[in-house]
Every structure is written in structure tokens, then in C-alpha cells.
Amino acid sequence: MADYRAVIKSADMTDDMQQDAIETAVQAIQTETVHKSIAAYLKKEFDKKYGPTWHCVVGKNYGSFVTHESQHFMYFFLDELAILLFKSA
């Protein structure tokens, strides 16, 4: 497993869920090559583990402004790849 440097920029999520998000993102990056597919992988895994409805944005340059359920938001980087993961009703 390759080493990725994770930097959490903003989180409203339990520490365990944050760790799971990082680990799942690493799996996605190792499995998928396209940003859209990485986002889909994360979204589907979190829907399965924590119930719907999760949303995920992956890329190197984007802006965002979202509303999320309490305790269900994380914005982080794995190396230079930005990942926004959040749940909304």
C-alpha cells in the first residue's frame, strides 16, 4: 500500500469516521484512475457503511459551499488531491 500524506482541512465527523474516510479514499485512489470514479467509490462505500445519502467531490482545483448533516462532513487532502465528503438528507 502506497503512503499518502493526509491533511484534514475541515471536519465535522468523529475521529473513527475521519480515519475510515482517509482509508477508503486511499483504497479508491489505488483502485480507480479518474477523479469521478474515485468520488463514486467513496460515495458508494459511505452509503453502505453509514447510510445514504453521501456526496463526494474529488479534484485538484474547485470551490464549494455545501449544507451537511451534523457530524457528517470532511474536507481533506491526500497529497495534492482534494476530497470533499459529506452527507445530506
PDB file of N, CA and C in Angstrom:
ATOM      1  N   MET A   1       0.849  -1.185   0.000  1.00  0.00           N
ATOM      2  CA  MET A   1       0.000   0.000   0.000  1.00  0.00           C
ATOM      3  C   MET A   1       0.892   1.245   0.000  1.00  0.00           C
ATOM      4  N   ALA A   2       0.662   2.106  -0.939  1.00  0.00           N
ATOM      5  CA  ALA A   2       1.439   3.338  -1.041  1.00  0.00           C
ATOM      6  C   ALA A   2       1.097   4.272   0.122  1.00  0.00           C
ATOM      7  N   ASP A   3       2.071   5.084   0.489  1.00  0.00           N
ATOM      8  CA  ASP A   3       1.847   6.058   1.555  1.00  0.00           C
ATOM      9  C   ASP A   3       1.343   7.366   0.961  1.00  0.00           C
ATOM     10  N   TYR A   4       0.291   7.882   1.532  1.00  0.00           N
ATOM     11  CA  TYR A   4      -0.274   9.160   1.122  1.00  0.00           C
ATOM     12  C   TYR A   4      -0.277  10.074   2.332  1.00  0.00           C
ATOM     13  N   ARG A   5       0.043  11.328   2.123  1.00  0.00           N
ATOM     14  CA  ARG A   5       0.020  12.296   3.216  1.00  0.00           C
ATOM     15  C   ARG A   5      -1.384  12.876   3.309  1.00  0.00           C
ATOM     16  N   ALA A   6      -2.059  12.604   4.402  1.00  0.00           N
ATOM     17  CA  ALA A   6      -3.418  13.104   4.621  1.00  0.00           C
ATOM     18  C   ALA A   6      -3.359  14.386   5.444  1.00  0.00           C
ATOM     19  N   VAL A   7      -4.049  15.416   4.956  1.00  0.00           N
ATOM     20  CA  VAL A   7      -4.163  16.680   5.680  1.00  0.00           C
ATOM     21  C   VAL A   7      -5.641  17.042   5.753  1.00  0.00           C
ATOM     22  N   ILE A   8      -6.184  17.048   6.962  1.00  0.00           N
ATOM     23  CA  ILE A   8      -7.589  17.391   7.161  1.00  0.00           C
ATOM     24  C   ILE A   8      -7.695  18.908   7.269  1.00  0.00           C
ATOM     25  N   LYS A   9      -8.458  19.511   6.368  1.00  0.00           N
ATOM     26  CA  LYS A   9      -8.639  20.963   6.357  1.00  0.00           C
ATOM     27  C   LYS A   9      -9.822  21.386   7.216  1.00  0.00           C
ATOM     28  N   SER A  10     -10.887  20.582   7.197  1.00  0.00           N
ATOM     29  CA  SER A  10     -12.085  20.883   7.972  1.00  0.00           C
ATOM     30  C   SER A  10     -12.856  19.587   8.171  1.00  0.00           C
ATOM     31  N   ALA A  11     -13.350  19.386   9.390  1.00  0.00           N
ATOM     32  CA  ALA A  11     -14.103  18.161   9.649  1.00  0.00           C
ATOM     33  C   ALA A  11     -15.146  18.388  10.733  1.00  0.00           C
ATOM     34  N   ASP A  12     -16.307  17.843  10.508  1.00  0.00           N
ATOM     35  CA  ASP A  12     -17.380  17.750  11.488  1.00  0.00           C
ATOM     36  C   ASP A  12     -17.810  16.290  11.436  1.00  0.00           C
ATOM     37  N   MET A  13     -16.981  15.435  12.069  1.00  0.00           N
ATOM     38  CA  MET A  13     -17.125  13.994  11.929  1.00  0.00           C
ATOM     39  C   MET A  13     -16.321  13.349  13.059  1.00  0.00           C
ATOM     40  N   THR A  14     -16.738  12.191  13.529  1.00  0.00           N
ATOM     41  CA  THR A  14     -15.987  11.505  14.580  1.00  0.00           C
ATOM     42  C   THR A  14     -14.591  11.145  14.075  1.00  0.00           C
ATOM     43  N   ASP A  15     -13.667  10.978  14.999  1.00  0.00           N
ATOM     44  CA  ASP A  15     -12.303  10.597  14.624  1.00  0.00           C
ATOM     45  C   ASP A  15     -12.273   9.264  13.887  1.00  0.00           C
ATOM     46  N   ASP A  16     -13.079   8.304  14.341  1.00  0.00           N
ATOM     47  CA  ASP A  16     -13.124   6.996  13.676  1.00  0.00           C
ATOM     48  C   ASP A  16     -13.627   7.117  12.244  1.00  0.00           C
ATOM     49  N   MET A  17     -14.648   7.931  12.034  1.00  0.00           N
ATOM     50  CA  MET A  17     -15.190   8.117  10.693  1.00  0.00           C
ATOM     51  C   MET A  17     -14.184   8.862   9.812  1.00  0.00           C
ATOM     52  N   GLN A  18     -13.456   9.808  10.393  1.00  0.00           N
ATOM     53  CA  GLN A  18     -12.413  10.508   9.641  1.00  0.00           C
ATOM     54  C   GLN A  18     -11.341   9.528   9.176  1.00  0.00           C
ATOM     55  N   GLN A  19     -10.916   8.649  10.062  1.00  0.00           N
ATOM     56  CA  GLN A  19      -9.910   7.652   9.699  1.00  0.00           C
ATOM     57  C   GLN A  19     -10.443   6.727   8.613  1.00  0.00           C
ATOM     58  N   ASP A  20     -11.699   6.349   8.723  1.00  0.00           N
ATOM     59  CA  ASP A  20     -12.321   5.499   7.708  1.00  0.00           C
ATOM     60  C   ASP A  20     -12.371   6.217   6.359  1.00  0.00           C
ATOM     61  N   ALA A  21     -12.659   7.506   6.371  1.00  0.00           N
ATOM     62  CA  ALA A  21     -12.702   8.281   5.125  1.00  0.00           C
ATOM     63  C   ALA A  21     -11.331   8.295   4.456  1.00  0.00           C
ATOM     64  N   ILE A  22     -10.295   8.494   5.234  1.00  0.00           N
ATOM     65  CA  ILE A  22      -8.937   8.510   4.681  1.00  0.00           C
ATOM     66  C   ILE A  22      -8.576   7.142   4.112  1.00  0.00           C
ATOM     67  N   GLU A  23      -8.842   6.082   4.874  1.00  0.00           N
ATOM     68  CA  GLU A  23      -8.521   4.728   4.411  1.00  0.00           C
ATOM     69  C   GLU A  23      -9.314   4.361   3.162  1.00  0.00           C
ATOM     70  N   THR A  24     -10.587   4.724   3.130  1.00  0.00           N
ATOM     71  CA  THR A  24     -11.425   4.434   1.966  1.00  0.00           C
ATOM     72  C   THR A  24     -10.962   5.239   0.759  1.00  0.00           C
ATOM     73  N   ALA A  25     -10.543   6.473   0.980  1.00  0.00           N
ATOM     74  CA  ALA A  25     -10.034   7.303  -0.120  1.00  0.00           C
ATOM     75  C   ALA A  25      -8.753   6.707  -0.703  1.00  0.00           C
ATOM     76  N   VAL A  26      -7.877   6.209   0.151  1.00  0.00           N
ATOM     77  CA  VAL A  26      -6.652   5.562  -0.334  1.00  0.00           C
ATOM     78  C   VAL A  26      -7.010   4.347  -1.183  1.00  0.00           C
ATOM     79  N   GLN A  27      -7.955   3.526  -0.709  1.00  0.00           N
ATOM     80  CA  GLN A  27      -8.403   2.369  -1.496  1.00  0.00           C
ATOM     81  C   GLN A  27      -8.946   2.816  -2.843  1.00  0.00           C
ATOM     82  N   ALA A  28      -9.728   3.887  -2.843  1.00  0.00           N
ATOM     83  CA  ALA A  28     -10.318   4.391  -4.086  1.00  0.00           C
ATOM     84  C   ALA A  28      -9.237   4.843  -5.062  1.00  0.00           C
ATOM     85  N   ILE A  29      -8.240   5.555  -4.564  1.00  0.00           N
ATOM     86  CA  ILE A  29      -7.154   6.046  -5.415  1.00  0.00           C
ATOM     87  C   ILE A  29      -6.355   4.884  -5.999  1.00  0.00           C
ATOM     88  N   GLN A  30      -6.187   3.830  -5.220  1.00  0.00           N
ATOM     89  CA  GLN A  30      -5.437   2.674  -5.697  1.00  0.00           C
ATOM     90  C   GLN A  30      -6.246   1.823  -6.669  1.00  0.00           C
ATOM     91  N   THR A  31      -7.571   1.944  -6.619  1.00  0.00           N
ATOM     92  CA  THR A  31      -8.456   1.150  -7.471  1.00  0.00           C
ATOM     93  C   THR A  31      -8.854   1.897  -8.733  1.00  0.00           C
ATOM     94  N   GLU A  32      -9.106   3.178  -8.613  1.00  0.00           N
ATOM     95  CA  GLU A  32      -9.636   3.993  -9.715  1.00  0.00           C
ATOM     96  C   GLU A  32      -8.587   4.994 -10.199  1.00  0.00           C
ATOM     97  N   THR A  33      -8.737   5.434 -11.459  1.00  0.00           N
ATOM     98  CA  THR A  33      -7.770   6.385 -12.016  1.00  0.00           C
ATOM     99  C   THR A  33      -8.385   7.742 -12.341  1.00  0.00           C
ATOM    100  N   VAL A  34      -9.695   7.801 -12.481  1.00  0.00           N
ATOM    101  CA  VAL A  34     -10.390   9.033 -12.846  1.00  0.00           C
ATOM    102  C   VAL A  34     -11.017   9.640 -11.588  1.00  0.00           C
ATOM    103  N   HIS A  35     -10.925  10.957 -11.434  1.00  0.00           N
ATOM    104  CA  HIS A  35     -11.462  11.621 -10.240  1.00  0.00           C
ATOM    105  C   HIS A  35     -12.933  11.286 -10.009  1.00  0.00           C
ATOM    106  N   LYS A  36     -13.730  11.263 -11.064  1.00  0.00           N
ATOM    107  CA  LYS A  36     -15.156  10.942 -10.933  1.00  0.00           C
ATOM    108  C   LYS A  36     -15.345   9.540 -10.350  1.00  0.00           C
ATOM    109  N   SER A  37     -14.526   8.600 -10.768  1.00  0.00           N
ATOM    110  CA  SER A  37     -14.628   7.226 -10.271  1.00  0.00           C
ATOM    111  C   SER A  37     -14.173   7.121  -8.820  1.00  0.00           C
ATOM    112  N   ILE A  38     -13.177   7.901  -8.445  1.00  0.00           N
ATOM    113  CA  ILE A  38     -12.731   7.940  -7.049  1.00  0.00           C
ATOM    114  C   ILE A  38     -13.863   8.472  -6.169  1.00  0.00           C
ATOM    115  N   ALA A  39     -14.514   9.540  -6.621  1.00  0.00           N
ATOM    116  CA  ALA A  39     -15.642  10.121  -5.880  1.00  0.00           C
ATOM    117  C   ALA A  39     -16.786   9.117  -5.757  1.00  0.00           C
ATOM    118  N   ALA A  40     -17.093   8.421  -6.843  1.00  0.00           N
ATOM    119  CA  ALA A  40     -18.175   7.429  -6.827  1.00  0.00           C
ATOM    120  C   ALA A  40     -17.856   6.295  -5.854  1.00  0.00           C
ATOM    121  N   TYR A  41     -16.626   5.839  -5.837  1.00  0.00           N
ATOM    122  CA  TYR A  41     -16.190   4.775  -4.933  1.00  0.00           C
ATOM    123  C   TYR A  41     -16.428   5.192  -3.479  1.00  0.00           C
ATOM    124  N   LEU A  42     -15.943   6.389  -3.122  1.00  0.00           N
ATOM    125  CA  LEU A  42     -16.118   6.888  -1.756  1.00  0.00           C
ATOM    126  C   LEU A  42     -17.587   7.039  -1.390  1.00  0.00           C
ATOM    127  N   LYS A  43     -18.357   7.634  -2.273  1.00  0.00           N
ATOM    128  CA  LYS A  43     -19.792   7.848  -2.034  1.00  0.00           C
ATOM    129  C   LYS A  43     -20.507   6.525  -1.776  1.00  0.00           C
ATOM    130  N   LYS A  44     -20.262   5.546  -2.633  1.00  0.00           N
ATOM    131  CA  LYS A  44     -20.934   4.244  -2.505  1.00  0.00           C
ATOM    132  C   LYS A  44     -20.524   3.513  -1.231  1.00  0.00           C
ATOM    133  N   GLU A  45     -19.238   3.563  -0.895  1.00  0.00           N
ATOM    134  CA  GLU A  45     -18.775   2.906   0.328  1.00  0.00           C
ATOM    135  C   GLU A  45     -19.391   3.551   1.570  1.00  0.00           C
ATOM    136  N   PHE A  46     -19.450   4.879   1.605  1.00  0.00           N
ATOM    137  CA  PHE A  46     -20.029   5.550   2.766  1.00  0.00           C
ATOM    138  C   PHE A  46     -21.545   5.371   2.816  1.00  0.00           C
ATOM    139  N   ASP A  47     -22.214   5.302   1.678  1.00  0.00           N
ATOM    140  CA  ASP A  47     -23.644   4.974   1.671  1.00  0.00           C
ATOM    141  C   ASP A  47     -23.871   3.603   2.305  1.00  0.00           C
ATOM    142  N   LYS A  48     -23.018   2.633   1.974  1.00  0.00           N
ATOM    143  CA  LYS A  48     -23.151   1.278   2.516  1.00  0.00           C
ATOM    144  C   LYS A  48     -22.856   1.247   4.015  1.00  0.00           C
ATOM    145  N   LYS A  49     -21.785   1.907   4.429  1.00  0.00           N
ATOM    146  CA  LYS A  49     -21.340   1.836   5.827  1.00  0.00           C
ATOM    147  C   LYS A  49     -22.166   2.697   6.776  1.00  0.00           C
ATOM    148  N   TYR A  50     -22.579   3.881   6.300  1.00  0.00           N
ATOM    149  CA  TYR A  50     -23.197   4.864   7.190  1.00  0.00           C
ATOM    150  C   TYR A  50     -24.582   5.316   6.747  1.00  0.00           C
ATOM    151  N   GLY A  51     -25.155   4.652   5.749  1.00  0.00           N
ATOM    152  CA  GLY A  51     -26.489   5.001   5.264  1.00  0.00           C
ATOM    153  C   GLY A  51     -26.453   6.184   4.310  1.00  0.00           C
ATOM    154  N   PRO A  52     -27.444   6.240   3.416  1.00  0.00           N
ATOM    155  CA  PRO A  52     -27.479   7.329   2.426  1.00  0.00           C
ATOM    156  C   PRO A  52     -27.905   8.649   3.089  1.00  0.00           C
ATOM    157  N   THR A  53     -27.664   9.752   2.521  1.00  0.00           N
ATOM    158  CA  THR A  53     -27.156   9.980   1.186  1.00  0.00           C
ATOM    159  C   THR A  53     -25.867  10.787   1.278  1.00  0.00           C
ATOM    160  N   TRP A  54     -24.754  10.189   0.864  1.00  0.00           N
ATOM    161  CA  TRP A  54     -23.451  10.834   0.876  1.00  0.00           C
ATOM    162  C   TRP A  54     -23.158  11.443  -0.481  1.00  0.00           C
ATOM    163  N   HIS A  55     -22.342  12.489  -0.469  1.00  0.00           N
ATOM    164  CA  HIS A  55     -21.894  13.160  -1.692  1.00  0.00           C
ATOM    165  C   HIS A  55     -20.381  13.297  -1.593  1.00  0.00           C
ATOM    166  N   CYS A  56     -19.713  13.244  -2.748  1.00  0.00           N
ATOM    167  CA  CYS A  56     -18.265  13.340  -2.752  1.00  0.00           C
ATOM    168  C   CYS A  56     -17.791  14.112  -3.977  1.00  0.00           C
ATOM    169  N   VAL A  57     -16.856  15.019  -3.758  1.00  0.00           N
ATOM    170  CA  VAL A  57     -16.222  15.775  -4.834  1.00  0.00           C
ATOM    171  C   VAL A  57     -14.721  15.542  -4.708  1.00  0.00           C
ATOM    172  N   VAL A  58     -14.084  15.204  -5.831  1.00  0.00           N
ATOM    173  CA  VAL A  58     -12.650  14.926  -5.843  1.00  0.00           C
ATOM    174  C   VAL A  58     -12.005  15.734  -6.956  1.00  0.00           C
ATOM    175  N   GLY A  59     -10.893  16.371  -6.663  1.00  0.00           N
ATOM    176  CA  GLY A  59     -10.195  17.126  -7.701  1.00  0.00           C
ATOM    177  C   GLY A  59      -9.013  17.884  -7.140  1.00  0.00           C
ATOM    178  N   LYS A  60      -8.399  18.681  -7.996  1.00  0.00           N
ATOM    179  CA  LYS A  60      -7.227  19.457  -7.589  1.00  0.00           C
ATOM    180  C   LYS A  60      -7.496  20.950  -7.516  1.00  0.00           C
ATOM    181  N   ASN A  61      -8.621  21.406  -8.075  1.00  0.00           N
ATOM    182  CA  ASN A  61      -8.902  22.840  -8.074  1.00  0.00           C
ATOM    183  C   ASN A  61     -10.402  23.070  -8.225  1.00  0.00           C
ATOM    184  N   TYR A  62     -11.076  23.365  -7.128  1.00  0.00           N
ATOM    185  CA  TYR A  62     -12.507  23.645  -7.176  1.00  0.00           C
ATOM    186  C   TYR A  62     -12.923  24.420  -5.933  1.00  0.00           C
ATOM    187  N   GLY A  63     -14.039  25.087  -6.032  1.00  0.00           N
ATOM    188  CA  GLY A  63     -14.641  25.747  -4.888  1.00  0.00           C
ATOM    189  C   GLY A  63     -15.900  24.997  -4.501  1.00  0.00           C
ATOM    190  N   SER A  64     -16.339  25.188  -3.278  1.00  0.00           N
ATOM    191  CA  SER A  64     -17.568  24.518  -2.846  1.00  0.00           C
ATOM    192  C   SER A  64     -18.215  25.292  -1.707  1.00  0.00           C
ATOM    193  N   PHE A  65     -19.507  25.077  -1.571  1.00  0.00           N
ATOM    194  CA  PHE A  65     -20.279  25.613  -0.454  1.00  0.00           C
ATOM    195  C   PHE A  65     -21.449  24.669  -0.285  1.00  0.00           C
ATOM    196  N   VAL A  66     -21.463  23.900   0.799  1.00  0.00           N
ATOM    197  CA  VAL A  66     -22.468  22.851   0.950  1.00  0.00           C
ATOM    198  C   VAL A  66     -23.136  22.924   2.318  1.00  0.00           C
ATOM    199  N   THR A  67     -24.311  22.327   2.394  1.00  0.00           N
ATOM    200  CA  THR A  67     -25.015  22.119   3.648  1.00  0.00           C
ATOM    201  C   THR A  67     -24.958  20.628   3.941  1.00  0.00           C
ATOM    202  N   HIS A  68     -24.639  20.272   5.182  1.00  0.00           N
ATOM    203  CA  HIS A  68     -24.475  18.860   5.526  1.00  0.00           C
ATOM    204  C   HIS A  68     -25.154  18.558   6.853  1.00  0.00           C
ATOM    205  N   GLU A  69     -25.402  17.273   7.062  1.00  0.00           N
ATOM    206  CA  GLU A  69     -25.916  16.832   8.352  1.00  0.00           C
ATOM    207  C   GLU A  69     -24.809  16.998   9.399  1.00  0.00           C
ATOM    208  N   SER A  70     -25.205  17.313  10.612  1.00  0.00           N
ATOM    209  CA  SER A  70     -24.252  17.435  11.705  1.00  0.00           C
ATOM    210  C   SER A  70     -23.458  16.134  11.860  1.00  0.00           C
ATOM    211  N   GLN A  71     -22.157  16.262  12.089  1.00  0.00           N
ATOM    212  CA  GLN A  71     -21.251  15.126  12.287  1.00  0.00           C
ATOM    213  C   GLN A  71     -21.024  14.284  11.027  1.00  0.00           C
ATOM    214  N   HIS A  72     -21.278  14.861   9.855  1.00  0.00           N
ATOM    215  CA  HIS A  72     -21.142  14.104   8.603  1.00  0.00           C
ATOM    216  C   HIS A  72     -20.502  14.953   7.504  1.00  0.00           C
ATOM    217  N   PHE A  73     -19.340  15.539   7.789  1.00  0.00           N
ATOM    218  CA  PHE A  73     -18.646  16.385   6.813  1.00  0.00           C
ATOM    219  C   PHE A  73     -17.143  16.269   7.007  1.00  0.00           C
ATOM    220  N   MET A  74     -16.428  16.191   5.886  1.00  0.00           N
ATOM    221  CA  MET A  74     -14.969  16.201   5.939  1.00  0.00           C
ATOM    222  C   MET A  74     -14.405  16.730   4.629  1.00  0.00           C
ATOM    223  N   TYR A  75     -13.445  17.624   4.758  1.00  0.00           N
ATOM    224  CA  TYR A  75     -12.712  18.154   3.606  1.00  0.00           C
ATOM    225  C   TYR A  75     -11.241  17.923   3.895  1.00  0.00           C
ATOM    226  N   PHE A  76     -10.595  17.140   3.040  1.00  0.00           N
ATOM    227  CA  PHE A  76      -9.205  16.780   3.294  1.00  0.00           C
ATOM    228  C   PHE A  76      -8.433  16.591   1.996  1.00  0.00           C
ATOM    229  N   PHE A  77      -7.133  16.529   2.139  1.00  0.00           N
ATOM    230  CA  PHE A  77      -6.243  16.281   1.013  1.00  0.00           C
ATOM    231  C   PHE A  77      -5.513  14.968   1.235  1.00  0.00           C
ATOM    232  N   LEU A  78      -5.333  14.216   0.168  1.00  0.00           N
ATOM    233  CA  LEU A  78      -4.382  13.115   0.124  1.00  0.00           C
ATOM    234  C   LEU A  78      -3.340  13.548  -0.893  1.00  0.00           C
ATOM    235  N   ASP A  79      -2.162  13.858  -0.411  1.00  0.00           N
ATOM    236  CA  ASP A  79      -1.133  14.501  -1.232  1.00  0.00           C
ATOM    237  C   ASP A  79      -1.736  15.765  -1.839  1.00  0.00           C
ATOM    238  N   GLU A  80      -1.824  15.871  -3.164  1.00  0.00           N
ATOM    239  CA  GLU A  80      -2.359  17.086  -3.793  1.00  0.00           C
ATOM    240  C   GLU A  80      -3.829  16.962  -4.199  1.00  0.00           C
ATOM    241  N   LEU A  81      -4.451  15.836  -3.894  1.00  0.00           N
ATOM    242  CA  LEU A  81      -5.835  15.593  -4.299  1.00  0.00           C
ATOM    243  C   LEU A  81      -6.802  16.004  -3.187  1.00  0.00           C
ATOM    244  N   ALA A  82      -7.684  16.959  -3.495  1.00  0.00           N
ATOM    245  CA  ALA A  82      -8.674  17.430  -2.522  1.00  0.00           C
ATOM    246  C   ALA A  82      -9.908  16.535  -2.563  1.00  0.00           C
ATOM    247  N   ILE A  83     -10.443  16.227  -1.381  1.00  0.00           N
ATOM    248  CA  ILE A  83     -11.622  15.367  -1.273  1.00  0.00           C
ATOM    249  C   ILE A  83     -12.613  16.018  -0.314  1.00  0.00           C
ATOM    250  N   LEU A  84     -13.816  16.218  -0.807  1.00  0.00           N
ATOM    251  CA  LEU A  84     -14.919  16.752  -0.015  1.00  0.00           C
ATOM    252  C   LEU A  84     -15.951  15.643   0.104  1.00  0.00           C
ATOM    253  N   LEU A  85     -16.250  15.233   1.332  1.00  0.00           N
ATOM    254  CA  LEU A  85     -17.179  14.133   1.583  1.00  0.00           C
ATOM    255  C   LEU A  85     -18.191  14.603   2.616  1.00  0.00           C
ATOM    256  N   PHE A  86     -19.479  14.511   2.272  1.00  0.00           N
ATOM    257  CA  PHE A  86     -20.498  14.960   3.218  1.00  0.00           C
ATOM    258  C   PHE A  86     -21.809  14.227   2.982  1.00  0.00           C
ATOM    259  N   LYS A  87     -22.628  14.225   4.024  1.00  0.00           N
ATOM    260  CA  LYS A  87     -23.936  13.575   3.972  1.00  0.00           C
ATOM    261  C   LYS A  87     -25.017  14.638   4.076  1.00  0.00           C
ATOM    262  N   SER A  88     -26.066  14.476   3.278  1.00  0.00           N
ATOM    263  CA  SER A  88     -27.228  15.362   3.377  1.00  0.00           C
ATOM    264  C   SER A  88     -28.489  14.549   3.170  1.00  0.00           C
ATOM    265  N   ALA A  89     -29.581  15.054   3.713  1.00  0.00           N
ATOM    266  CA  ALA A  89     -30.853  14.338   3.619  1.00  0.00           C
ATOM    267  C   ALA A  89     -31.491  14.534   2.264  1.00  0.00           C
TER     268      ALA A  89
END
